[in-house]
């Protein structure tokens, strides 16, 4: 080993020793003389050295040993039931003075409306190759009737319009127009 190598190893050893001592001092929270440790709170860092130390409030332990006010007797016991208070009396209603009896205008009487059509609409029949639909109607007693738009049924009723789910019928004289909905027999 040469003298120059020994010198370099000695300098390196001294530097390592200084580094170890510095790390030990910093880890204990003690900085070099004349410096203050860095604040851990960012707001403290912004305030810098202008922040004054916090004051601690006085603690007066003698007040804990002094006499206290006596506790009041509770006004309400949650575990005792009392009868329900009676409801307040209802307000007196002031009756308005009686009105003179009003006479309703006479209802115009005319001929009574025709009775409802007693047929049931039970289906639609479409004929291939021919225009229009045919309504299938039942009288509820076993009779089934077929009629296209404009034709009469039983000589009393006329089929006015046939739809997919309803048929519109009237009496042959034109009164009593009624829509029959599709129904099962």
N, C-alpha and C. Protein backbone atom coordinates (compact mmCIF):
# COMPACT_ATOMS: atom_id res chain seq x y z
N UNK A 1 0.81 -1.15 0.00
CA UNK A 1 0.00 0.00 0.00
C UNK A 1 0.88 1.25 0.00
N UNK A 2 0.52 2.16 -0.80
CA UNK A 2 1.34 3.37 -0.94
C UNK A 2 0.88 4.43 0.05
N UNK A 3 1.68 5.44 0.20
CA UNK A 3 1.39 6.51 1.15
C UNK A 3 0.17 7.30 0.70
N UNK A 4 0.03 7.49 -0.58
CA UNK A 4 -1.12 8.25 -1.10
C UNK A 4 -2.42 7.48 -0.84
N UNK A 5 -2.45 6.20 -0.97
CA UNK A 5 -3.63 5.39 -0.73
C UNK A 5 -3.99 5.45 0.75
N UNK A 6 -2.99 5.42 1.63
CA UNK A 6 -3.25 5.52 3.05
C UNK A 6 -3.89 6.87 3.39
N UNK A 7 -3.40 7.91 2.77
CA UNK A 7 -3.93 9.25 3.02
C UNK A 7 -5.40 9.32 2.59
N UNK A 8 -5.72 8.77 1.44
CA UNK A 8 -7.09 8.79 0.92
C UNK A 8 -8.02 7.99 1.84
N UNK A 9 -7.57 6.84 2.34
CA UNK A 9 -8.39 6.03 3.23
C UNK A 9 -8.61 6.74 4.56
N UNK A 10 -7.65 7.48 5.03
CA UNK A 10 -7.78 8.21 6.28
C UNK A 10 -8.81 9.33 6.12
N UNK A 11 -8.73 10.07 5.03
CA UNK A 11 -9.70 11.15 4.76
C UNK A 11 -11.11 10.57 4.64
N UNK A 12 -11.23 9.46 3.95
CA UNK A 12 -12.52 8.80 3.78
C UNK A 12 -13.08 8.36 5.13
N UNK A 13 -12.27 7.84 5.99
CA UNK A 13 -12.69 7.40 7.31
C UNK A 13 -13.18 8.56 8.15
N UNK A 14 -12.47 9.71 8.08
CA UNK A 14 -12.86 10.88 8.84
C UNK A 14 -14.21 11.40 8.33
N UNK A 15 -14.39 11.42 7.01
CA UNK A 15 -15.66 11.88 6.43
C UNK A 15 -16.82 10.97 6.86
N UNK A 16 -16.59 9.69 6.88
CA UNK A 16 -17.64 8.75 7.30
C UNK A 16 -17.98 8.98 8.77
N UNK A 17 -16.98 9.22 9.60
CA UNK A 17 -17.21 9.46 11.03
C UNK A 17 -18.03 10.74 11.22
N UNK A 18 -17.69 11.82 10.48
CA UNK A 18 -18.43 13.07 10.59
C UNK A 18 -19.88 12.85 10.15
N UNK A 19 -20.07 12.10 9.09
CA UNK A 19 -21.41 11.83 8.58
C UNK A 19 -22.24 11.05 9.61
N UNK A 20 -21.64 10.06 10.25
CA UNK A 20 -22.35 9.25 11.25
C UNK A 20 -22.74 10.13 12.44
N UNK A 21 -21.84 10.99 12.89
CA UNK A 21 -22.15 11.86 14.03
C UNK A 21 -23.27 12.83 13.65
N UNK A 22 -23.23 13.40 12.44
CA UNK A 22 -24.26 14.33 12.00
C UNK A 22 -25.63 13.64 11.94
N UNK A 23 -25.67 12.45 11.43
CA UNK A 23 -26.94 11.71 11.34
C UNK A 23 -27.49 11.41 12.73
N UNK A 24 -26.59 11.08 13.66
CA UNK A 24 -27.02 10.78 15.02
C UNK A 24 -27.63 12.02 15.67
N UNK A 25 -27.01 13.16 15.47
CA UNK A 25 -27.49 14.40 16.08
C UNK A 25 -28.83 14.81 15.45
N UNK A 26 -28.96 14.70 14.15
CA UNK A 26 -30.20 15.08 13.47
C UNK A 26 -31.34 14.15 13.88
N UNK A 27 -31.08 12.87 14.03
CA UNK A 27 -32.14 11.93 14.40
C UNK A 27 -32.64 12.17 15.81
N UNK A 28 -31.86 12.72 16.69
CA UNK A 28 -32.29 13.04 18.05
C UNK A 28 -33.03 14.36 18.10
N UNK A 29 -33.09 15.10 17.01
CA UNK A 29 -33.81 16.37 16.98
C UNK A 29 -32.96 17.54 17.36
N UNK A 30 -31.73 17.35 17.61
CA UNK A 30 -30.85 18.45 17.95
C UNK A 30 -30.07 18.85 16.72
N UNK A 31 -30.18 20.09 16.39
CA UNK A 31 -29.45 20.57 15.23
C UNK A 31 -28.12 21.16 15.67
N UNK A 32 -27.37 21.63 14.74
CA UNK A 32 -26.13 22.30 15.09
C UNK A 32 -26.44 23.53 15.93
N UNK A 33 -25.50 23.99 16.66
CA UNK A 33 -25.71 25.11 17.56
C UNK A 33 -26.17 26.34 16.80
N UNK A 34 -27.17 27.05 17.36
CA UNK A 34 -27.63 28.29 16.76
C UNK A 34 -28.72 28.09 15.72
N UNK A 35 -29.16 26.88 15.45
CA UNK A 35 -30.23 26.67 14.47
C UNK A 35 -31.43 26.07 15.17
N UNK A 36 -32.60 26.23 14.57
CA UNK A 36 -33.83 25.63 15.11
C UNK A 36 -34.27 24.53 14.17
N UNK A 37 -34.91 23.50 14.72
CA UNK A 37 -35.35 22.42 13.85
C UNK A 37 -36.43 22.91 12.88
N UNK A 38 -36.51 22.29 11.73
CA UNK A 38 -37.49 22.67 10.71
C UNK A 38 -38.89 22.33 11.21
N UNK A 39 -39.88 23.22 10.99
CA UNK A 39 -41.24 22.93 11.46
C UNK A 39 -41.84 21.80 10.64
N UNK A 40 -42.63 20.94 11.35
CA UNK A 40 -43.26 19.82 10.65
C UNK A 40 -44.56 20.23 9.98
N UNK A 41 -45.16 21.33 10.42
CA UNK A 41 -46.42 21.81 9.86
C UNK A 41 -46.11 22.86 8.80
N UNK A 42 -46.65 22.73 7.56
CA UNK A 42 -46.35 23.72 6.52
C UNK A 42 -46.81 25.12 6.88
N UNK A 43 -47.89 25.26 7.67
CA UNK A 43 -48.33 26.62 8.02
C UNK A 43 -47.34 27.26 8.97
N UNK A 44 -46.70 26.44 9.81
CA UNK A 44 -45.67 26.98 10.70
C UNK A 44 -44.48 27.45 9.88
N UNK A 45 -44.17 26.78 8.80
CA UNK A 45 -43.02 27.15 7.97
C UNK A 45 -43.26 28.50 7.32
N UNK A 46 -44.53 28.77 6.93
CA UNK A 46 -44.83 30.06 6.30
C UNK A 46 -44.78 31.19 7.31
N UNK A 47 -45.20 30.88 8.54
CA UNK A 47 -45.21 31.93 9.55
C UNK A 47 -43.80 32.34 9.94
N UNK A 48 -42.88 31.39 9.92
CA UNK A 48 -41.48 31.68 10.21
C UNK A 48 -41.28 32.01 11.67
N UNK A 49 -40.36 32.90 11.95
CA UNK A 49 -39.99 33.23 13.31
C UNK A 49 -40.93 34.25 13.93
N UNK A 50 -41.93 34.76 13.19
CA UNK A 50 -42.83 35.79 13.74
C UNK A 50 -43.87 35.20 14.67
N UNK A 51 -44.03 33.88 14.72
CA UNK A 51 -45.07 33.26 15.53
C UNK A 51 -44.62 33.24 16.99
N UNK A 52 -45.56 33.64 17.87
CA UNK A 52 -45.24 33.66 19.30
C UNK A 52 -45.62 32.32 19.90
N UNK A 53 -45.01 31.94 20.99
CA UNK A 53 -45.35 30.65 21.63
C UNK A 53 -46.78 30.70 22.17
N UNK A 54 -47.45 29.56 22.20
CA UNK A 54 -48.84 29.49 22.66
C UNK A 54 -48.89 29.59 24.17
N UNK A 55 -49.96 30.23 24.67
CA UNK A 55 -50.12 30.37 26.10
C UNK A 55 -51.07 29.28 26.58
N UNK A 56 -50.77 28.74 27.73
CA UNK A 56 -51.58 27.68 28.32
C UNK A 56 -52.52 28.32 29.33
N UNK A 57 -53.80 27.92 29.31
CA UNK A 57 -54.79 28.47 30.23
C UNK A 57 -54.51 27.98 31.65
N UNK A 58 -54.85 28.81 32.62
CA UNK A 58 -54.66 28.41 34.02
C UNK A 58 -55.63 27.30 34.36
N UNK A 59 -55.14 26.33 35.09
CA UNK A 59 -55.98 25.25 35.57
C UNK A 59 -56.16 25.46 37.06
N UNK A 60 -57.41 25.62 37.49
CA UNK A 60 -57.69 25.87 38.90
C UNK A 60 -58.29 24.60 39.51
N UNK A 61 -57.44 23.80 40.09
CA UNK A 61 -57.87 22.52 40.65
C UNK A 61 -58.69 22.69 41.92
N UNK A 62 -58.57 23.81 42.61
CA UNK A 62 -59.30 24.00 43.86
C UNK A 62 -60.81 24.08 43.61
N UNK A 63 -61.23 24.47 42.40
CA UNK A 63 -62.66 24.54 42.09
C UNK A 63 -63.30 23.16 42.05
N UNK A 64 -62.51 22.13 41.77
CA UNK A 64 -63.04 20.78 41.73
C UNK A 64 -63.43 20.28 43.12
N UNK A 65 -62.77 20.82 44.15
CA UNK A 65 -63.03 20.36 45.51
C UNK A 65 -64.11 21.18 46.20
N UNK A 66 -64.56 22.28 45.60
CA UNK A 66 -65.56 23.15 46.22
C UNK A 66 -66.95 22.54 46.21
N UNK A 67 -67.88 23.22 46.89
CA UNK A 67 -69.26 22.73 46.96
C UNK A 67 -69.98 23.01 45.63
N UNK A 68 -70.90 22.10 45.34
CA UNK A 68 -71.68 22.24 44.11
C UNK A 68 -73.14 22.46 44.47
N UNK A 69 -73.89 23.00 43.51
CA UNK A 69 -75.33 23.19 43.71
C UNK A 69 -76.02 21.84 43.78
N UNK A 70 -77.06 21.76 44.59
CA UNK A 70 -77.82 20.52 44.70
C UNK A 70 -78.61 20.31 43.41
N UNK A 71 -78.76 19.05 43.03
CA UNK A 71 -79.51 18.73 41.82
C UNK A 71 -81.00 18.93 42.07
N UNK A 72 -81.70 19.40 41.04
CA UNK A 72 -83.14 19.59 41.14
C UNK A 72 -83.84 18.26 41.02
N UNK A 73 -85.02 18.21 41.59
CA UNK A 73 -85.87 17.03 41.46
C UNK A 73 -86.42 17.01 40.03
N UNK A 74 -86.40 15.86 39.37
CA UNK A 74 -86.90 15.84 37.98
C UNK A 74 -88.40 16.15 37.94
N UNK A 75 -88.80 16.85 36.89
CA UNK A 75 -90.20 17.25 36.73
C UNK A 75 -91.04 16.14 36.10
N UNK A 76 -90.41 15.26 35.38
CA UNK A 76 -91.15 14.24 34.65
C UNK A 76 -90.46 12.90 34.81
N UNK A 77 -91.22 11.87 35.10
CA UNK A 77 -90.67 10.53 35.20
C UNK A 77 -91.08 9.78 33.95
N UNK A 78 -90.11 9.33 33.20
CA UNK A 78 -90.40 8.66 31.93
C UNK A 78 -91.04 7.29 32.13
N UNK A 79 -90.96 6.75 33.34
CA UNK A 79 -91.43 5.39 33.57
C UNK A 79 -92.79 5.34 34.27
N UNK A 80 -93.41 6.48 34.50
CA UNK A 80 -94.73 6.52 35.12
C UNK A 80 -95.71 7.10 34.11
N UNK A 81 -96.83 6.40 33.94
CA UNK A 81 -97.83 6.84 32.97
C UNK A 81 -98.94 7.61 33.69
N UNK A 82 -99.36 8.66 33.07
CA UNK A 82 -100.44 9.47 33.61
C UNK A 82 -101.61 9.41 32.64
N UNK A 83 -102.81 9.63 33.09
CA UNK A 83 -103.95 9.62 32.16
C UNK A 83 -103.81 10.74 31.15
N UNK A 84 -104.31 10.48 29.98
CA UNK A 84 -104.23 11.45 28.89
C UNK A 84 -105.15 12.63 29.21
N UNK A 85 -104.64 13.81 28.90
CA UNK A 85 -105.42 15.01 29.16
C UNK A 85 -106.63 15.03 28.22
N UNK A 86 -107.77 15.52 28.71
CA UNK A 86 -108.95 15.54 27.83
C UNK A 86 -108.74 16.55 26.70
N UNK A 87 -109.31 16.26 25.54
CA UNK A 87 -109.13 17.18 24.41
C UNK A 87 -109.87 18.49 24.68
N UNK A 88 -109.41 19.56 24.08
CA UNK A 88 -110.10 20.83 24.29
C UNK A 88 -111.50 20.77 23.68
N UNK A 89 -112.41 21.54 24.20
CA UNK A 89 -113.77 21.49 23.67
C UNK A 89 -113.78 22.00 22.22
N UNK A 90 -114.64 21.41 21.39
CA UNK A 90 -114.68 21.85 19.99
C UNK A 90 -115.19 23.28 19.90
N UNK A 91 -114.72 24.01 18.91
CA UNK A 91 -115.19 25.39 18.78
C UNK A 91 -116.68 25.39 18.41
N UNK A 92 -117.38 26.35 18.92
CA UNK A 92 -118.81 26.44 18.62
C UNK A 92 -118.99 26.93 17.20
N UNK A 93 -119.77 26.21 16.48
CA UNK A 93 -120.04 26.57 15.10
C UNK A 93 -121.17 27.59 15.08
N UNK A 94 -120.94 28.62 14.34
CA UNK A 94 -121.97 29.64 14.19
C UNK A 94 -122.81 29.26 12.98
N UNK A 95 -124.07 29.05 13.23
CA UNK A 95 -124.95 28.63 12.13
C UNK A 95 -125.35 29.85 11.31
N UNK A 96 -125.21 29.74 9.99
CA UNK A 96 -125.65 30.86 9.16
C UNK A 96 -127.18 30.92 9.16
N UNK A 97 -127.71 32.06 8.88
CA UNK A 97 -129.17 32.16 8.85
C UNK A 97 -129.73 31.25 7.74
N UNK A 98 -130.87 30.67 7.97
CA UNK A 98 -131.44 29.76 6.95
C UNK A 98 -131.74 30.51 5.66
N UNK A 99 -131.43 29.86 4.58
CA UNK A 99 -131.69 30.44 3.25
C UNK A 99 -133.10 30.05 2.81
N UNK A 100 -133.65 30.86 2.03
CA UNK A 100 -134.96 30.46 1.49
C UNK A 100 -134.77 29.29 0.53
N UNK A 101 -135.69 28.40 0.55
CA UNK A 101 -135.60 27.20 -0.29
C UNK A 101 -135.58 27.60 -1.76
N UNK A 102 -134.59 27.07 -2.43
CA UNK A 102 -134.48 27.37 -3.86
C UNK A 102 -135.23 26.30 -4.63
N UNK A 103 -135.90 26.72 -5.62
CA UNK A 103 -136.66 25.79 -6.45
C UNK A 103 -135.81 25.49 -7.67
N UNK A 104 -135.55 24.19 -7.85
CA UNK A 104 -134.75 23.77 -8.99
C UNK A 104 -135.55 23.95 -10.27
N UNK A 105 -134.86 24.35 -11.34
CA UNK A 105 -135.59 24.49 -12.61
C UNK A 105 -136.10 23.12 -13.05
N UNK A 106 -137.20 23.09 -13.70
CA UNK A 106 -137.75 21.80 -14.13
C UNK A 106 -136.83 21.13 -15.16
N UNK A 107 -136.66 19.83 -14.96
CA UNK A 107 -135.83 19.05 -15.87
C UNK A 107 -136.67 18.73 -17.10
N UNK A 108 -136.11 19.05 -18.28
CA UNK A 108 -136.89 18.74 -19.47
C UNK A 108 -137.05 17.24 -19.63
N UNK A 109 -138.26 16.84 -19.81
CA UNK A 109 -138.52 15.42 -20.01
C UNK A 109 -138.81 15.19 -21.48
N UNK A 110 -138.24 14.16 -21.97
CA UNK A 110 -138.44 13.80 -23.36
C UNK A 110 -138.65 12.31 -23.45
N UNK A 111 -138.58 11.83 -24.62
CA UNK A 111 -138.75 10.38 -24.73
C UNK A 111 -137.56 9.69 -24.08
N UNK A 112 -137.77 8.58 -23.42
CA UNK A 112 -136.66 7.88 -22.78
C UNK A 112 -135.68 7.37 -23.85
N UNK A 113 -134.41 7.26 -23.48
CA UNK A 113 -133.44 6.77 -24.45
C UNK A 113 -133.73 5.31 -24.78
N UNK A 114 -133.33 4.87 -25.94
CA UNK A 114 -133.58 3.47 -26.32
C UNK A 114 -132.77 2.53 -25.41
N UNK A 115 -133.27 1.32 -25.23
CA UNK A 115 -132.53 0.38 -24.38
C UNK A 115 -131.20 0.01 -25.06
N UNK A 116 -130.20 -0.44 -24.25
CA UNK A 116 -128.91 -0.81 -24.83
C UNK A 116 -129.06 -1.99 -25.80
N UNK A 117 -128.18 -2.03 -26.77
CA UNK A 117 -128.22 -3.11 -27.77
C UNK A 117 -127.74 -4.39 -27.08
N UNK A 118 -128.54 -5.48 -27.12
CA UNK A 118 -128.22 -6.68 -26.36
C UNK A 118 -127.28 -7.65 -27.07
N UNK A 119 -126.51 -7.19 -28.03
CA UNK A 119 -125.60 -8.07 -28.76
C UNK A 119 -124.18 -7.96 -28.20
N UNK A 120 -123.39 -9.02 -28.40
CA UNK A 120 -121.99 -9.02 -28.01
C UNK A 120 -121.14 -9.14 -29.27
N UNK A 121 -120.07 -8.36 -29.30
CA UNK A 121 -119.12 -8.42 -30.41
C UNK A 121 -118.08 -9.45 -30.03
N UNK A 122 -118.02 -10.57 -30.81
CA UNK A 122 -117.12 -11.65 -30.43
C UNK A 122 -115.99 -11.88 -31.42
N UNK A 123 -115.94 -11.14 -32.52
CA UNK A 123 -114.81 -11.31 -33.42
C UNK A 123 -114.97 -10.59 -34.73
N UNK A 124 -113.88 -10.61 -35.52
CA UNK A 124 -113.84 -9.97 -36.84
C UNK A 124 -113.42 -11.04 -37.84
N UNK A 125 -114.07 -11.02 -38.98
CA UNK A 125 -113.74 -11.96 -40.04
C UNK A 125 -113.33 -11.16 -41.26
N UNK A 126 -112.14 -11.46 -41.77
CA UNK A 126 -111.68 -10.78 -42.99
C UNK A 126 -111.73 -11.80 -44.12
N UNK A 127 -112.41 -11.43 -45.19
CA UNK A 127 -112.55 -12.34 -46.33
C UNK A 127 -111.40 -12.08 -47.29
N UNK A 128 -110.65 -13.13 -47.66
CA UNK A 128 -109.55 -12.94 -48.60
C UNK A 128 -110.10 -12.61 -50.00
N UNK A 129 -109.47 -11.66 -50.62
CA UNK A 129 -109.86 -11.27 -51.96
C UNK A 129 -111.02 -10.31 -52.01
N UNK A 130 -111.65 -10.01 -50.91
CA UNK A 130 -112.77 -9.08 -50.89
C UNK A 130 -112.47 -7.93 -49.92
N UNK A 131 -113.03 -6.80 -50.23
CA UNK A 131 -112.81 -5.59 -49.45
C UNK A 131 -113.71 -5.59 -48.22
N UNK A 132 -113.25 -5.11 -47.06
CA UNK A 132 -114.09 -4.93 -45.88
C UNK A 132 -113.98 -6.06 -44.90
N UNK A 133 -114.48 -5.78 -43.71
CA UNK A 133 -114.47 -6.74 -42.62
C UNK A 133 -115.90 -7.15 -42.31
N UNK A 134 -116.04 -8.31 -41.66
CA UNK A 134 -117.35 -8.80 -41.24
C UNK A 134 -117.31 -8.96 -39.73
N UNK A 135 -118.31 -8.41 -39.03
CA UNK A 135 -118.39 -8.51 -37.58
C UNK A 135 -119.13 -9.78 -37.22
N UNK A 136 -118.64 -10.47 -36.19
CA UNK A 136 -119.31 -11.66 -35.68
C UNK A 136 -119.96 -11.24 -34.36
N UNK A 137 -121.29 -11.35 -34.30
CA UNK A 137 -122.06 -10.90 -33.15
C UNK A 137 -122.84 -12.07 -32.57
N UNK A 138 -123.11 -12.00 -31.27
CA UNK A 138 -123.88 -13.05 -30.60
C UNK A 138 -124.97 -12.39 -29.78
N UNK A 139 -126.13 -13.09 -29.67
CA UNK A 139 -127.23 -12.54 -28.87
C UNK A 139 -127.21 -13.09 -27.45
N UNK A 140 -126.24 -13.93 -27.11
CA UNK A 140 -126.11 -14.47 -25.77
C UNK A 140 -126.98 -15.67 -25.51
N UNK A 141 -127.83 -16.07 -26.48
CA UNK A 141 -128.70 -17.23 -26.32
C UNK A 141 -128.32 -18.33 -27.29
N UNK A 142 -127.15 -18.22 -27.88
CA UNK A 142 -126.70 -19.24 -28.82
C UNK A 142 -126.78 -18.82 -30.27
N UNK A 143 -127.38 -17.69 -30.57
CA UNK A 143 -127.48 -17.22 -31.95
C UNK A 143 -126.24 -16.43 -32.34
N UNK A 144 -125.66 -16.74 -33.49
CA UNK A 144 -124.48 -16.02 -33.98
C UNK A 144 -124.86 -15.35 -35.30
N UNK A 145 -124.43 -14.11 -35.45
CA UNK A 145 -124.80 -13.33 -36.64
C UNK A 145 -123.55 -12.73 -37.26
N UNK A 146 -123.54 -12.63 -38.59
CA UNK A 146 -122.43 -12.04 -39.35
C UNK A 146 -122.99 -10.85 -40.11
N UNK A 147 -122.27 -9.71 -40.04
CA UNK A 147 -122.74 -8.53 -40.76
C UNK A 147 -121.55 -7.66 -41.13
N UNK A 148 -121.56 -7.12 -42.36
CA UNK A 148 -120.52 -6.19 -42.80
C UNK A 148 -121.00 -4.78 -42.48
N UNK A 149 -120.13 -3.79 -42.68
CA UNK A 149 -120.49 -2.41 -42.42
C UNK A 149 -121.67 -2.02 -43.31
N UNK A 150 -122.68 -1.38 -42.71
CA UNK A 150 -123.86 -0.94 -43.45
C UNK A 150 -124.98 -1.96 -43.46
N UNK A 151 -124.76 -3.20 -43.07
CA UNK A 151 -125.81 -4.22 -43.06
C UNK A 151 -126.55 -4.20 -41.73
N UNK A 152 -127.76 -4.80 -41.74
CA UNK A 152 -128.55 -4.85 -40.51
C UNK A 152 -128.50 -6.25 -39.92
N UNK A 153 -128.72 -6.31 -38.59
CA UNK A 153 -128.72 -7.57 -37.85
C UNK A 153 -130.09 -7.68 -37.17
N UNK A 154 -130.74 -8.79 -37.35
CA UNK A 154 -132.05 -9.08 -36.77
C UNK A 154 -133.11 -8.05 -37.20
N UNK A 155 -132.86 -7.28 -38.20
CA UNK A 155 -133.80 -6.29 -38.70
C UNK A 155 -133.96 -5.09 -37.78
N UNK A 156 -133.24 -5.05 -36.65
CA UNK A 156 -133.37 -3.95 -35.70
C UNK A 156 -132.11 -3.10 -35.59
N UNK A 157 -130.93 -3.68 -35.82
CA UNK A 157 -129.66 -3.00 -35.56
C UNK A 157 -128.86 -2.88 -36.84
N UNK A 158 -128.13 -1.80 -36.99
CA UNK A 158 -127.33 -1.56 -38.18
C UNK A 158 -125.86 -1.44 -37.75
N UNK A 159 -124.98 -2.14 -38.48
CA UNK A 159 -123.54 -2.08 -38.20
C UNK A 159 -123.00 -0.83 -38.90
N UNK A 160 -122.45 0.12 -38.14
CA UNK A 160 -121.94 1.36 -38.71
C UNK A 160 -120.46 1.27 -39.05
N UNK A 161 -119.66 0.70 -38.11
CA UNK A 161 -118.21 0.66 -38.32
C UNK A 161 -117.66 -0.55 -37.60
N UNK A 162 -116.66 -1.22 -38.22
CA UNK A 162 -116.03 -2.39 -37.61
C UNK A 162 -114.54 -2.09 -37.45
N UNK A 163 -114.06 -2.22 -36.22
CA UNK A 163 -112.64 -2.02 -35.93
C UNK A 163 -112.00 -3.33 -35.53
N UNK A 164 -110.72 -3.28 -35.13
CA UNK A 164 -110.02 -4.50 -34.74
C UNK A 164 -110.53 -5.03 -33.41
N UNK A 165 -110.93 -4.13 -32.47
CA UNK A 165 -111.37 -4.57 -31.15
C UNK A 165 -112.76 -4.08 -30.78
N UNK A 166 -113.46 -3.43 -31.71
CA UNK A 166 -114.79 -2.94 -31.39
C UNK A 166 -115.62 -2.80 -32.67
N UNK A 167 -116.93 -2.74 -32.45
CA UNK A 167 -117.86 -2.51 -33.56
C UNK A 167 -118.87 -1.48 -33.09
N UNK A 168 -119.25 -0.58 -34.00
CA UNK A 168 -120.19 0.48 -33.66
C UNK A 168 -121.52 0.14 -34.31
N UNK A 169 -122.59 0.05 -33.49
CA UNK A 169 -123.93 -0.30 -33.96
C UNK A 169 -124.93 0.76 -33.53
N UNK A 170 -126.07 0.79 -34.20
CA UNK A 170 -127.17 1.68 -33.80
C UNK A 170 -128.47 0.98 -34.19
N UNK A 171 -129.56 1.54 -33.73
CA UNK A 171 -130.86 1.02 -34.17
C UNK A 171 -131.02 1.42 -35.64
N UNK A 172 -131.86 0.72 -36.35
CA UNK A 172 -132.02 0.99 -37.79
C UNK A 172 -132.57 2.38 -38.06
N UNK A 173 -133.28 2.98 -37.13
CA UNK A 173 -133.79 4.33 -37.34
C UNK A 173 -132.74 5.40 -37.00
N UNK A 174 -131.52 5.01 -36.55
CA UNK A 174 -130.42 5.94 -36.33
C UNK A 174 -130.24 6.39 -34.90
N UNK A 175 -131.09 6.01 -34.00
CA UNK A 175 -130.94 6.44 -32.60
C UNK A 175 -130.23 5.34 -31.81
N UNK A 176 -129.72 5.67 -30.65
CA UNK A 176 -129.09 4.67 -29.78
C UNK A 176 -127.75 4.18 -30.26
N UNK A 177 -126.90 5.05 -30.72
CA UNK A 177 -125.57 4.65 -31.20
C UNK A 177 -124.75 4.10 -30.04
N UNK A 178 -124.09 2.91 -30.25
CA UNK A 178 -123.38 2.25 -29.17
C UNK A 178 -122.16 1.52 -29.73
N UNK A 179 -121.06 1.57 -28.96
CA UNK A 179 -119.83 0.86 -29.35
C UNK A 179 -119.72 -0.41 -28.51
N UNK A 180 -119.60 -1.55 -29.21
CA UNK A 180 -119.48 -2.84 -28.53
C UNK A 180 -118.00 -3.25 -28.56
N UNK A 181 -117.43 -3.54 -27.39
CA UNK A 181 -116.04 -3.98 -27.30
C UNK A 181 -115.95 -5.47 -27.52
N UNK A 182 -114.80 -5.92 -27.98
CA UNK A 182 -114.56 -7.34 -28.23
C UNK A 182 -114.65 -8.09 -26.92
N UNK A 183 -115.43 -9.18 -26.89
CA UNK A 183 -115.58 -9.96 -25.67
C UNK A 183 -115.71 -11.42 -26.04
N UNK A 184 -115.38 -12.28 -25.07
CA UNK A 184 -115.55 -13.72 -25.30
C UNK A 184 -117.01 -14.09 -25.13
N UNK A 185 -117.40 -15.22 -25.63
CA UNK A 185 -118.81 -15.59 -25.59
C UNK A 185 -119.18 -16.22 -24.31
